[in-house]
Amino acid sequence: MINLIVIVISAIVFGLLLLWWFSPAFRAWIEAPKYFMLRQEGRFDHKLKE
């Protein structure tokens, strides 16, 4: 049973990796929170320098 769970999870991760690799739209959607956080950090750092 545990082998089946590991195989299914591995297949899902591999599928998501392939989708991320071949789809720029999916990659942008997945990485959007990272860029949102970086924009927030930039605004915070800018206020510290004033």
PDB file of N, CA and C in Angstrom:
ATOM      1  N   MET A   1       0.828  -1.198   0.000  1.00  0.00           N
ATOM      2  CA  MET A   1       0.000   0.000   0.000  1.00  0.00           C
ATOM      3  C   MET A   1       0.871   1.259   0.000  1.00  0.00           C
ATOM      4  N   ILE A   2       1.903   1.257   0.832  1.00  0.00           N
ATOM      5  CA  ILE A   2       2.773   2.432   0.896  1.00  0.00           C
ATOM      6  C   ILE A   2       3.494   2.633  -0.435  1.00  0.00           C
ATOM      7  N   ASN A   3       3.803   1.535  -1.119  1.00  0.00           N
ATOM      8  CA  ASN A   3       4.459   1.651  -2.429  1.00  0.00           C
ATOM      9  C   ASN A   3       3.564   2.382  -3.424  1.00  0.00           C
ATOM     10  N   LEU A   4       2.275   2.089  -3.385  1.00  0.00           N
ATOM     11  CA  LEU A   4       1.331   2.741  -4.286  1.00  0.00           C
ATOM     12  C   LEU A   4       1.259   4.238  -3.998  1.00  0.00           C
ATOM     13  N   ILE A   5       1.241   4.604  -2.732  1.00  0.00           N
ATOM     14  CA  ILE A   5       1.198   6.017  -2.355  1.00  0.00           C
ATOM     15  C   ILE A   5       2.448   6.736  -2.851  1.00  0.00           C
ATOM     16  N   VAL A   6       3.601   6.125  -2.660  1.00  0.00           N
ATOM     17  CA  VAL A   6       4.862   6.734  -3.109  1.00  0.00           C
ATOM     18  C   VAL A   6       4.877   6.879  -4.628  1.00  0.00           C
ATOM     19  N   ILE A   7       4.407   5.872  -5.343  1.00  0.00           N
ATOM     20  CA  ILE A   7       4.382   5.936  -6.807  1.00  0.00           C
ATOM     21  C   ILE A   7       3.439   7.025  -7.287  1.00  0.00           C
ATOM     22  N   VAL A   8       2.258   7.125  -6.693  1.00  0.00           N
ATOM     23  CA  VAL A   8       1.279   8.135  -7.102  1.00  0.00           C
ATOM     24  C   VAL A   8       1.805   9.541  -6.822  1.00  0.00           C
ATOM     25  N   ILE A   9       2.359   9.754  -5.652  1.00  0.00           N
ATOM     26  CA  ILE A   9       2.891  11.080  -5.313  1.00  0.00           C
ATOM     27  C   ILE A   9       4.068  11.427  -6.221  1.00  0.00           C
ATOM     28  N   SER A  10       4.925  10.468  -6.497  1.00  0.00           N
ATOM     29  CA  SER A  10       6.057  10.705  -7.401  1.00  0.00           C
ATOM     30  C   SER A  10       5.565  11.064  -8.804  1.00  0.00           C
ATOM     31  N   ALA A  11       4.520  10.375  -9.275  1.00  0.00           N
ATOM     32  CA  ALA A  11       3.963  10.675 -10.595  1.00  0.00           C
ATOM     33  C   ALA A  11       3.370  12.076 -10.639  1.00  0.00           C
ATOM     34  N   ILE A  12       2.687  12.482  -9.570  1.00  0.00           N
ATOM     35  CA  ILE A  12       2.115  13.833  -9.512  1.00  0.00           C
ATOM     36  C   ILE A  12       3.224  14.876  -9.546  1.00  0.00           C
ATOM     37  N   VAL A  13       4.263  14.685  -8.755  1.00  0.00           N
ATOM     38  CA  VAL A  13       5.382  15.633  -8.727  1.00  0.00           C
ATOM     39  C   VAL A  13       6.069  15.690 -10.082  1.00  0.00           C
ATOM     40  N   PHE A  14       6.284  14.541 -10.696  1.00  0.00           N
ATOM     41  CA  PHE A  14       6.921  14.507 -12.013  1.00  0.00           C
ATOM     42  C   PHE A  14       6.048  15.214 -13.053  1.00  0.00           C
ATOM     43  N   GLY A  15       4.734  14.995 -12.993  1.00  0.00           N
ATOM     44  CA  GLY A  15       3.810  15.668 -13.905  1.00  0.00           C
ATOM     45  C   GLY A  15       3.828  17.179 -13.730  1.00  0.00           C
ATOM     46  N   LEU A  16       3.825  17.633 -12.480  1.00  0.00           N
ATOM     47  CA  LEU A  16       3.884  19.079 -12.225  1.00  0.00           C
ATOM     48  C   LEU A  16       5.209  19.674 -12.688  1.00  0.00           C
ATOM     49  N   LEU A  17       6.282  18.933 -12.504  1.00  0.00           N
ATOM     50  CA  LEU A  17       7.583  19.392 -12.967  1.00  0.00           C
ATOM     51  C   LEU A  17       7.608  19.547 -14.487  1.00  0.00           C
ATOM     52  N   LEU A  18       7.052  18.548 -15.195  1.00  0.00           N
ATOM     53  CA  LEU A  18       6.985  18.647 -16.659  1.00  0.00           C
ATOM     54  C   LEU A  18       6.102  19.809 -17.097  1.00  0.00           C
ATOM     55  N   LEU A  19       4.968  19.983 -16.426  1.00  0.00           N
ATOM     56  CA  LEU A  19       4.080  21.100 -16.760  1.00  0.00           C
ATOM     57  C   LEU A  19       4.783  22.430 -16.523  1.00  0.00           C
ATOM     58  N   TRP A  20       5.516  22.541 -15.420  1.00  0.00           N
ATOM     59  CA  TRP A  20       6.257  23.770 -15.122  1.00  0.00           C
ATOM     60  C   TRP A  20       7.324  24.014 -16.187  1.00  0.00           C
ATOM     61  N   TRP A  21       7.982  22.964 -16.617  1.00  0.00           N
ATOM     62  CA  TRP A  21       9.087  23.068 -17.579  1.00  0.00           C
ATOM     63  C   TRP A  21       8.590  23.526 -18.958  1.00  0.00           C
ATOM     64  N   PHE A  22       7.430  23.001 -19.399  1.00  0.00           N
ATOM     65  CA  PHE A  22       6.973  23.234 -20.767  1.00  0.00           C
ATOM     66  C   PHE A  22       5.894  24.304 -20.901  1.00  0.00           C
ATOM     67  N   SER A  23       5.377  24.837 -19.819  1.00  0.00           N
ATOM     68  CA  SER A  23       4.296  25.819 -19.895  1.00  0.00           C
ATOM     69  C   SER A  23       4.703  27.128 -19.216  1.00  0.00           C
ATOM     70  N   PRO A  24       5.032  28.148 -20.010  1.00  0.00           N
ATOM     71  CA  PRO A  24       5.394  29.440 -19.406  1.00  0.00           C
ATOM     72  C   PRO A  24       4.247  30.056 -18.593  1.00  0.00           C
ATOM     73  N   ALA A  25       3.011  29.849 -19.014  1.00  0.00           N
ATOM     74  CA  ALA A  25       1.878  30.406 -18.266  1.00  0.00           C
ATOM     75  C   ALA A  25       1.754  29.742 -16.890  1.00  0.00           C
ATOM     76  N   PHE A  26       1.936  28.429 -16.834  1.00  0.00           N
ATOM     77  CA  PHE A  26       1.876  27.714 -15.560  1.00  0.00           C
ATOM     78  C   PHE A  26       3.027  28.148 -14.666  1.00  0.00           C
ATOM     79  N   ARG A  27       4.210  28.321 -15.252  1.00  0.00           N
ATOM     80  CA  ARG A  27       5.382  28.751 -14.488  1.00  0.00           C
ATOM     81  C   ARG A  27       5.151  30.134 -13.887  1.00  0.00           C
ATOM     82  N   ALA A  28       4.577  31.039 -14.667  1.00  0.00           N
ATOM     83  CA  ALA A  28       4.297  32.390 -14.151  1.00  0.00           C
ATOM     84  C   ALA A  28       3.288  32.333 -13.011  1.00  0.00           C
ATOM     85  N   TRP A  29       2.270  31.464 -13.148  1.00  0.00           N
ATOM     86  CA  TRP A  29       1.250  31.345 -12.112  1.00  0.00           C
ATOM     87  C   TRP A  29       1.841  30.771 -10.825  1.00  0.00           C
ATOM     88  N   ILE A  30       2.711  29.775 -10.962  1.00  0.00           N
ATOM     89  CA  ILE A  30       3.325  29.132  -9.796  1.00  0.00           C
ATOM     90  C   ILE A  30       4.278  30.098  -9.089  1.00  0.00           C
ATOM     91  N   GLU A  31       5.015  30.901  -9.859  1.00  0.00           N
ATOM     92  CA  GLU A  31       6.025  31.781  -9.269  1.00  0.00           C
ATOM     93  C   GLU A  31       5.492  33.157  -8.884  1.00  0.00           C
ATOM     94  N   ALA A  32       4.225  33.431  -9.138  1.00  0.00           N
ATOM     95  CA  ALA A  32       3.648  34.743  -8.827  1.00  0.00           C
ATOM     96  C   ALA A  32       3.778  35.116  -7.349  1.00  0.00           C
ATOM     97  N   PRO A  33       3.521  34.212  -6.401  1.00  0.00           N
ATOM     98  CA  PRO A  33       3.670  34.609  -4.983  1.00  0.00           C
ATOM     99  C   PRO A  33       5.094  35.061  -4.626  1.00  0.00           C
ATOM    100  N   LYS A  34       6.087  34.460  -5.269  1.00  0.00           N
ATOM    101  CA  LYS A  34       7.476  34.851  -4.999  1.00  0.00           C
ATOM    102  C   LYS A  34       7.706  36.305  -5.410  1.00  0.00           C
ATOM    103  N   TYR A  35       7.236  36.662  -6.602  1.00  0.00           N
ATOM    104  CA  TYR A  35       7.438  38.027  -7.079  1.00  0.00           C
ATOM    105  C   TYR A  35       6.602  39.026  -6.295  1.00  0.00           C
ATOM    106  N   PHE A  36       5.425  38.609  -5.836  1.00  0.00           N
ATOM    107  CA  PHE A  36       4.605  39.472  -4.997  1.00  0.00           C
ATOM    108  C   PHE A  36       5.347  39.780  -3.693  1.00  0.00           C
ATOM    109  N   MET A  37       5.923  38.748  -3.075  1.00  0.00           N
ATOM    110  CA  MET A  37       6.672  38.942  -1.834  1.00  0.00           C
ATOM    111  C   MET A  37       7.887  39.850  -2.064  1.00  0.00           C
ATOM    112  N   LEU A  38       8.587  39.659  -3.181  1.00  0.00           N
ATOM    113  CA  LEU A  38       9.756  40.490  -3.464  1.00  0.00           C
ATOM    114  C   LEU A  38       9.369  41.952  -3.662  1.00  0.00           C
ATOM    115  N   ARG A  39       8.208  42.197  -4.296  1.00  0.00           N
ATOM    116  CA  ARG A  39       7.742  43.591  -4.435  1.00  0.00           C
ATOM    117  C   ARG A  39       7.434  44.192  -3.075  1.00  0.00           C
ATOM    118  N   GLN A  40       6.831  43.414  -2.185  1.00  0.00           N
ATOM    119  CA  GLN A  40       6.546  43.913  -0.844  1.00  0.00           C
ATOM    120  C   GLN A  40       7.834  44.209  -0.087  1.00  0.00           C
ATOM    121  N   GLU A  41       8.802  43.337  -0.197  1.00  0.00           N
ATOM    122  CA  GLU A  41      10.083  43.565   0.465  1.00  0.00           C
ATOM    123  C   GLU A  41      10.760  44.814  -0.088  1.00  0.00           C
ATOM    124  N   GLY A  42      10.670  45.043  -1.379  1.00  0.00           N
ATOM    125  CA  GLY A  42      11.267  46.226  -1.983  1.00  0.00           C
ATOM    126  C   GLY A  42      10.652  47.507  -1.455  1.00  0.00           C
ATOM    127  N   ARG A  43       9.336  47.493  -1.277  1.00  0.00           N
ATOM    128  CA  ARG A  43       8.681  48.684  -0.715  1.00  0.00           C
ATOM    129  C   ARG A  43       9.128  48.891   0.722  1.00  0.00           C
ATOM    130  N   PHE A  44       9.271  47.808   1.486  1.00  0.00           N
ATOM    131  CA  PHE A  44       9.695  47.906   2.875  1.00  0.00           C
ATOM    132  C   PHE A  44      11.128  48.440   2.955  1.00  0.00           C
ATOM    133  N   ASP A  45      12.018  47.896   2.121  1.00  0.00           N
ATOM    134  CA  ASP A  45      13.403  48.360   2.128  1.00  0.00           C
ATOM    135  C   ASP A  45      13.508  49.817   1.708  1.00  0.00           C
ATOM    136  N   HIS A  46      12.683  50.235   0.758  1.00  0.00           N
ATOM    137  CA  HIS A  46      12.716  51.617   0.287  1.00  0.00           C
ATOM    138  C   HIS A  46      12.355  52.567   1.438  1.00  0.00           C
ATOM    139  N   LYS A  47      11.383  52.198   2.261  1.00  0.00           N
ATOM    140  CA  LYS A  47      10.970  53.064   3.369  1.00  0.00           C
ATOM    141  C   LYS A  47      12.052  53.153   4.447  1.00  0.00           C
ATOM    142  N   LEU A  48      12.841  52.097   4.599  1.00  0.00           N
ATOM    143  CA  LEU A  48      13.915  52.141   5.592  1.00  0.00           C
ATOM    144  C   LEU A  48      15.024  53.106   5.182  1.00  0.00           C
ATOM    145  N   LYS A  49      15.231  53.271   3.874  1.00  0.00           N
ATOM    146  CA  LYS A  49      16.326  54.119   3.395  1.00  0.00           C
ATOM    147  C   LYS A  49      15.976  55.603   3.471  1.00  0.00           C
ATOM    148  N   GLU A  50      14.719  55.931   3.644  1.00  0.00           N
ATOM    149  CA  GLU A  50      14.318  57.348   3.671  1.00  0.00           C
ATOM    150  C   GLU A  50      14.684  58.012   4.978  1.00  0.00           C
TER     151      GLU A  50
END
